[in-house]
C-alpha atoms as a PDB file:
ATOM      1  CA  MET A   1    -170.242 -67.847 -99.880  1.00  0.00           C
ATOM      2  CA  THR A   2    -170.518 -69.547 -96.481  1.00  0.00           C
ATOM      3  CA  THR A   3    -168.890 -68.055 -93.372  1.00  0.00           C
ATOM      4  CA  ILE A   4    -167.937 -70.359 -90.489  1.00  0.00           C
ATOM      5  CA  LEU A   5    -166.894 -69.121 -87.058  1.00  0.00           C
ATOM      6  CA  PHE A   6    -164.983 -71.417 -84.698  1.00  0.00           C
ATOM      7  CA  MET A   7    -165.166 -70.384 -81.037  1.00  0.00           C
ATOM      8  CA  CYS A   8    -163.612 -71.372 -77.748  1.00  0.00           C
ATOM      9  CA  VAL A   9    -162.770 -69.378 -74.644  1.00  0.00           C
ATOM     10  CA  ALA A  10    -159.226 -68.069 -75.252  1.00  0.00           C
ATOM     11  CA  ASN A  11    -159.114 -68.340 -79.058  1.00  0.00           C
ATOM     12  CA  SER A  12    -155.554 -69.556 -78.572  1.00  0.00           C
ATOM     13  CA  ALA A  13    -155.532 -73.260 -79.433  1.00  0.00           C
ATOM     14  CA  ARG A  14    -158.587 -75.264 -80.604  1.00  0.00           C
ATOM     15  CA  SER A  15    -160.353 -72.495 -82.509  1.00  0.00           C
ATOM     16  CA  GLN A  16    -157.076 -71.265 -83.996  1.00  0.00           C
ATOM     17  CA  MET A  17    -156.213 -74.767 -85.235  1.00  0.00           C
ATOM     18  CA  ALA A  18    -159.789 -75.168 -86.542  1.00  0.00           C
ATOM     19  CA  GLU A  19    -159.493 -71.879 -88.429  1.00  0.00           C
ATOM     20  CA  GLY A  20    -156.238 -72.974 -90.075  1.00  0.00           C
ATOM     21  CA  LEU A  21    -157.501 -76.464 -90.872  1.00  0.00           C
ATOM     22  CA  ALA A  22    -160.816 -75.254 -92.297  1.00  0.00           C
ATOM     23  CA  ARG A  23    -159.110 -72.668 -94.494  1.00  0.00           C
ATOM     24  CA  ASP A  24    -156.875 -75.414 -95.825  1.00  0.00           C
ATOM     25  CA  MET A  25    -159.617 -78.036 -96.234  1.00  0.00           C
ATOM     26  CA  MET A  26    -162.805 -76.138 -97.130  1.00  0.00           C
ATOM     27  CA  GLY A  27    -161.721 -74.279-100.235  1.00  0.00           C
ATOM     28  CA  ALA A  28    -162.254 -70.786-101.573  1.00  0.00           C
ATOM     29  CA  GLY A  29    -166.056 -70.855-101.248  1.00  0.00           C
ATOM     30  CA  VAL A  30    -165.885 -70.710 -97.459  1.00  0.00           C
ATOM     31  CA  THR A  31    -164.774 -67.828 -95.253  1.00  0.00           C
ATOM     32  CA  VAL A  32    -163.339 -69.053 -91.960  1.00  0.00           C
ATOM     33  CA  LEU A  33    -162.980 -67.054 -88.736  1.00  0.00           C
ATOM     34  CA  SER A  34    -162.242 -67.796 -85.098  1.00  0.00           C
ATOM     35  CA  ALA A  35    -162.879 -65.923 -81.859  1.00  0.00           C
ATOM     36  CA  GLY A  36    -163.162 -66.334 -78.103  1.00  0.00           C
ATOM     37  CA  SER A  37    -164.831 -64.802 -75.080  1.00  0.00           C
ATOM     38  CA  ALA A  38    -161.504 -64.151 -73.306  1.00  0.00           C
ATOM     39  CA  PRO A  39    -158.913 -63.951 -76.090  1.00  0.00           C
ATOM     40  CA  ALA A  40    -155.295 -64.622 -75.207  1.00  0.00           C
ATOM     41  CA  THR A  41    -152.380 -65.135 -77.586  1.00  0.00           C
ATOM     42  CA  VAL A  42    -152.059 -67.947 -80.103  1.00  0.00           C
ATOM     43  CA  ASN A  43    -150.432 -70.855 -78.301  1.00  0.00           C
ATOM     44  CA  PRO A  44    -146.991 -71.792 -79.679  1.00  0.00           C
ATOM     45  CA  TYR A  45    -147.886 -75.494 -79.423  1.00  0.00           C
ATOM     46  CA  ALA A  46    -150.887 -74.867 -81.699  1.00  0.00           C
ATOM     47  CA  ILE A  47    -148.602 -73.157 -84.217  1.00  0.00           C
ATOM     48  CA  GLU A  48    -146.183 -76.085 -84.006  1.00  0.00           C
ATOM     49  CA  ALA A  49    -148.901 -78.752 -84.345  1.00  0.00           C
ATOM     50  CA  MET A  50    -150.264 -77.050 -87.453  1.00  0.00           C
ATOM     51  CA  ALA A  51    -146.806 -76.568 -88.967  1.00  0.00           C
ATOM     52  CA  GLU A  52    -146.390 -80.356 -88.807  1.00  0.00           C
ATOM     53  CA  LEU A  53    -149.191 -80.505 -91.399  1.00  0.00           C
ATOM     54  CA  GLY A  54    -147.692 -77.719 -93.499  1.00  0.00           C
ATOM     55  CA  ILE A  55    -150.285 -75.172 -92.321  1.00  0.00           C
ATOM     56  CA  ASP A  56    -148.929 -71.849 -91.073  1.00  0.00           C
ATOM     57  CA  ILE A  57    -151.113 -70.172 -88.449  1.00  0.00           C
ATOM     58  CA  SER A  58    -148.325 -67.997 -87.043  1.00  0.00           C
ATOM     59  CA  GLY A  59    -149.922 -64.912 -88.619  1.00  0.00           C
ATOM     60  CA  GLN A  60    -153.311 -65.529 -86.994  1.00  0.00           C
ATOM     61  CA  ARG A  61    -154.274 -63.531 -83.906  1.00  0.00           C
ATOM     62  CA  SER A  62    -156.666 -64.158 -81.053  1.00  0.00           C
ATOM     63  CA  LYS A  63    -159.901 -62.203 -81.462  1.00  0.00           C
ATOM     64  CA  SER A  64    -162.804 -61.369 -79.203  1.00  0.00           C
ATOM     65  CA  VAL A  65    -166.276 -62.574 -80.133  1.00  0.00           C
ATOM     66  CA  ASP A  66    -167.221 -58.885 -79.747  1.00  0.00           C
ATOM     67  CA  GLU A  67    -165.275 -58.182 -82.968  1.00  0.00           C
ATOM     68  CA  ILE A  68    -167.548 -60.500 -84.971  1.00  0.00           C
ATOM     69  CA  ASP A  69    -170.678 -59.332 -86.796  1.00  0.00           C
ATOM     70  CA  PRO A  70    -173.263 -62.062 -86.065  1.00  0.00           C
ATOM     71  CA  ALA A  71    -175.168 -61.174 -89.244  1.00  0.00           C
ATOM     72  CA  ALA A  72    -172.137 -62.189 -91.323  1.00  0.00           C
ATOM     73  CA  ILE A  73    -171.931 -65.721 -89.867  1.00  0.00           C
ATOM     74  CA  ASP A  74    -173.683 -68.754 -91.345  1.00  0.00           C
ATOM     75  CA  LEU A  75    -172.393 -71.419 -88.956  1.00  0.00           C
ATOM     76  CA  VAL A  76    -170.849 -71.274 -85.474  1.00  0.00           C
ATOM     77  CA  VAL A  77    -168.843 -74.235 -84.203  1.00  0.00           C
ATOM     78  CA  THR A  78    -168.020 -74.178 -80.491  1.00  0.00           C
ATOM     79  CA  LEU A  79    -165.088 -76.303 -79.386  1.00  0.00           C
ATOM     80  CA  CYS A  80    -165.331 -76.144 -75.585  1.00  0.00           C
ATOM     81  CA  ALA A  81    -165.393 -79.245 -73.425  1.00  0.00           C
ATOM     82  CA  GLU A  82    -165.217 -78.602 -69.676  1.00  0.00           C
ATOM     83  CA  GLU A  83    -165.421 -74.809 -69.770  1.00  0.00           C
ATOM     84  CA  VAL A  84    -168.349 -72.520 -70.580  1.00  0.00           C
ATOM     85  CA  CYS A  85    -168.414 -71.746 -74.297  1.00  0.00           C
ATOM     86  CA  PRO A  86    -168.805 -68.224 -75.600  1.00  0.00           C
ATOM     87  CA  VAL A  87    -172.114 -67.376 -77.231  1.00  0.00           C
ATOM     88  CA  LEU A  88    -172.669 -65.488 -80.450  1.00  0.00           C
ATOM     89  CA  PRO A  89    -176.080 -63.810 -80.333  1.00  0.00           C
ATOM     90  CA  GLY A  90    -178.446 -63.925 -83.259  1.00  0.00           C
ATOM     91  CA  ARG A  91    -179.992 -66.452 -85.548  1.00  0.00           C
ATOM     92  CA  VAL A  92    -177.228 -68.684 -86.771  1.00  0.00           C
ATOM     93  CA  ARG A  93    -176.738 -72.403 -87.253  1.00  0.00           C
ATOM     94  CA  ARG A  94    -174.721 -73.851 -84.389  1.00  0.00           C
ATOM     95  CA  LEU A  95    -172.642 -76.963 -83.834  1.00  0.00           C
ATOM     96  CA  HIS A  96    -170.906 -78.005 -80.632  1.00  0.00           C
ATOM     97  CA  TRP A  97    -167.795 -80.163 -80.779  1.00  0.00           C
ATOM     98  CA  PRO A  98    -166.657 -80.860 -77.195  1.00  0.00           C
ATOM     99  CA  ILE A  99    -162.897 -81.133 -77.604  1.00  0.00           C
ATOM    100  CA  ALA A 100    -160.722 -81.016 -74.505  1.00  0.00           C
ATOM    101  CA  ASP A 101    -158.476 -77.976 -74.191  1.00  0.00           C
ATOM    102  CA  PRO A 102    -154.922 -79.140 -74.930  1.00  0.00           C
ATOM    103  CA  ALA A 103    -153.408 -76.159 -73.117  1.00  0.00           C
ATOM    104  CA  SER A 104    -152.531 -76.590 -69.459  1.00  0.00           C
ATOM    105  CA  LYS A 105    -151.592 -74.361 -66.578  1.00  0.00           C
ATOM    106  CA  ASP A 106    -149.487 -77.227 -65.194  1.00  0.00           C
ATOM    107  CA  THR A 107    -145.948 -76.039 -65.868  1.00  0.00           C
ATOM    108  CA  THR A 108    -144.537 -79.441 -64.902  1.00  0.00           C
ATOM    109  CA  LEU A 109    -145.923 -81.148 -68.014  1.00  0.00           C
ATOM    110  CA  PRO A 110    -143.056 -82.065 -70.336  1.00  0.00           C
ATOM    111  CA  ALA A 111    -142.978 -80.493 -73.806  1.00  0.00           C
ATOM    112  CA  ASP A 112    -143.512 -83.899 -75.446  1.00  0.00           C
ATOM    113  CA  GLU A 113    -146.759 -84.377 -73.512  1.00  0.00           C
ATOM    114  CA  MET A 114    -147.937 -80.904 -74.477  1.00  0.00           C
ATOM    115  CA  ARG A 115    -147.174 -81.638 -78.128  1.00  0.00           C
ATOM    116  CA  ALA A 116    -149.133 -84.900 -77.894  1.00  0.00           C
ATOM    117  CA  ARG A 117    -152.130 -83.081 -76.392  1.00  0.00           C
ATOM    118  CA  PHE A 118    -152.128 -80.481 -79.168  1.00  0.00           C
ATOM    119  CA  ARG A 119    -151.728 -83.136 -81.875  1.00  0.00           C
ATOM    120  CA  ALA A 120    -154.676 -85.095 -80.445  1.00  0.00           C
ATOM    121  CA  ALA A 121    -156.914 -82.005 -80.415  1.00  0.00           C
ATOM    122  CA  ARG A 122    -155.753 -81.029 -83.910  1.00  0.00           C
ATOM    123  CA  ASP A 123    -156.507 -84.485 -85.272  1.00  0.00           C
ATOM    124  CA  GLN A 124    -159.991 -84.565 -83.697  1.00  0.00           C
ATOM    125  CA  ILE A 125    -160.768 -81.187 -85.227  1.00  0.00           C
ATOM    126  CA  ARG A 126    -159.395 -82.248 -88.616  1.00  0.00           C
ATOM    127  CA  THR A 127    -161.596 -85.372 -88.626  1.00  0.00           C
ATOM    128  CA  ARG A 128    -164.717 -83.351 -87.856  1.00  0.00           C
ATOM    129  CA  ILE A 129    -163.932 -80.649 -90.417  1.00  0.00           C
ATOM    130  CA  ASP A 130    -163.430 -83.348 -93.029  1.00  0.00           C
ATOM    131  CA  MET A 131    -166.898 -84.733 -92.214  1.00  0.00           C
ATOM    132  CA  LEU A 132    -168.410 -81.238 -92.120  1.00  0.00           C
ATOM    133  CA  ARG A 133    -167.102 -80.358 -95.578  1.00  0.00           C
ATOM    134  CA  ARG A 134    -168.852 -83.432 -96.972  1.00  0.00           C
ATOM    135  CA  LEU A 135    -172.235 -82.304 -95.655  1.00  0.00           C
ATOM    136  CA  SER A 136    -174.538 -80.088 -97.667  1.00  0.00           C
ATOM    137  CA  ASP A 137    -176.043 -76.893 -96.295  1.00  0.00           C
ATOM    138  CA  ALA A 138    -179.364 -78.762 -96.066  1.00  0.00           C
ATOM    139  CA  ASP A 139    -177.726 -81.485 -93.947  1.00  0.00           C
ATOM    140  CA  ILE A 140    -176.279 -78.879 -91.591  1.00  0.00           C
ATOM    141  CA  ALA A 141    -179.603 -77.041 -91.334  1.00  0.00           C
ATOM    142  CA  ALA A 142    -181.316 -80.351 -90.517  1.00  0.00           C
ATOM    143  CA  GLY A 143    -178.897 -80.865 -87.630  1.00  0.00           C
ATOM    144  CA  LEU A 144    -177.044 -83.819 -89.106  1.00  0.00           C
ATOM    145  CA  ALA A 145    -173.677 -82.232 -88.351  1.00  0.00           C
ATOM    146  CA  ASP A 146    -174.552 -82.338 -84.655  1.00  0.00           C
ATOM    147  CA  HIS A 147    -174.225 -86.099 -84.883  1.00  0.00           C
ATOM    148  CA  LEU A 148    -170.749 -86.356 -86.335  1.00  0.00           C
ATOM    149  CA  PRO A 149    -169.072 -89.400 -84.807  1.00  0.00           C
ATOM    150  CA  GLU A 150    -167.179 -88.769 -81.619  1.00  0.00           C
ATOM    151  CA  THR A 151    -163.450 -89.230 -81.728  1.00  0.00           C
ATOM    152  CA  PRO A 152    -161.609 -90.589 -78.690  1.00  0.00           C
ATOM    153  CA  VAL A 153    -160.687 -87.825 -76.288  1.00  0.00           C
ATOM    154  CA  PRO A 154    -157.393 -88.312 -74.446  1.00  0.00           C
ATOM    155  CA  THR A 155    -157.311 -87.840 -70.720  1.00  0.00           C
ATOM    156  CA  VAL A 156    -156.417 -84.271 -69.890  1.00  0.00           C
ATOM    157  CA  ARG A 157    -154.998 -83.402 -66.511  1.00  0.00           C
ATOM    158  CA  ASP A 158    -154.545 -79.873 -65.233  1.00  0.00           C
END
């Protein structure tokens, strides 16, 4: 069985959506986890964006990377864009998908714009997970997953 860990800083949006999407898309032969270096709470917009696809992540919780046993992980996918990504020590295959953080500290952003930001991030993650699930372990080990096509990244303002 393969174990994939999705990581970002707060483990509140991108990595939580990736965890829910991968569980839904990858099948029973894959264990999926998520964690962050400064865990917060799962963002309600992430829960809402996933519910639109029929995926319930409301029971997921933000976790610290310190809670993860590196020896149990086969593949780490970091999802940070502008911020410094957390690091999982040890010998593990790594992918980096630079996806802009849909969360914002700007409280003046309307709810519809926040929803659009979370949908865009969710859809980028879903596209990459779909490509990842089509790759073999040998392809991943050879680094082919590092070259998954980029998806357009919307402008993010904070």
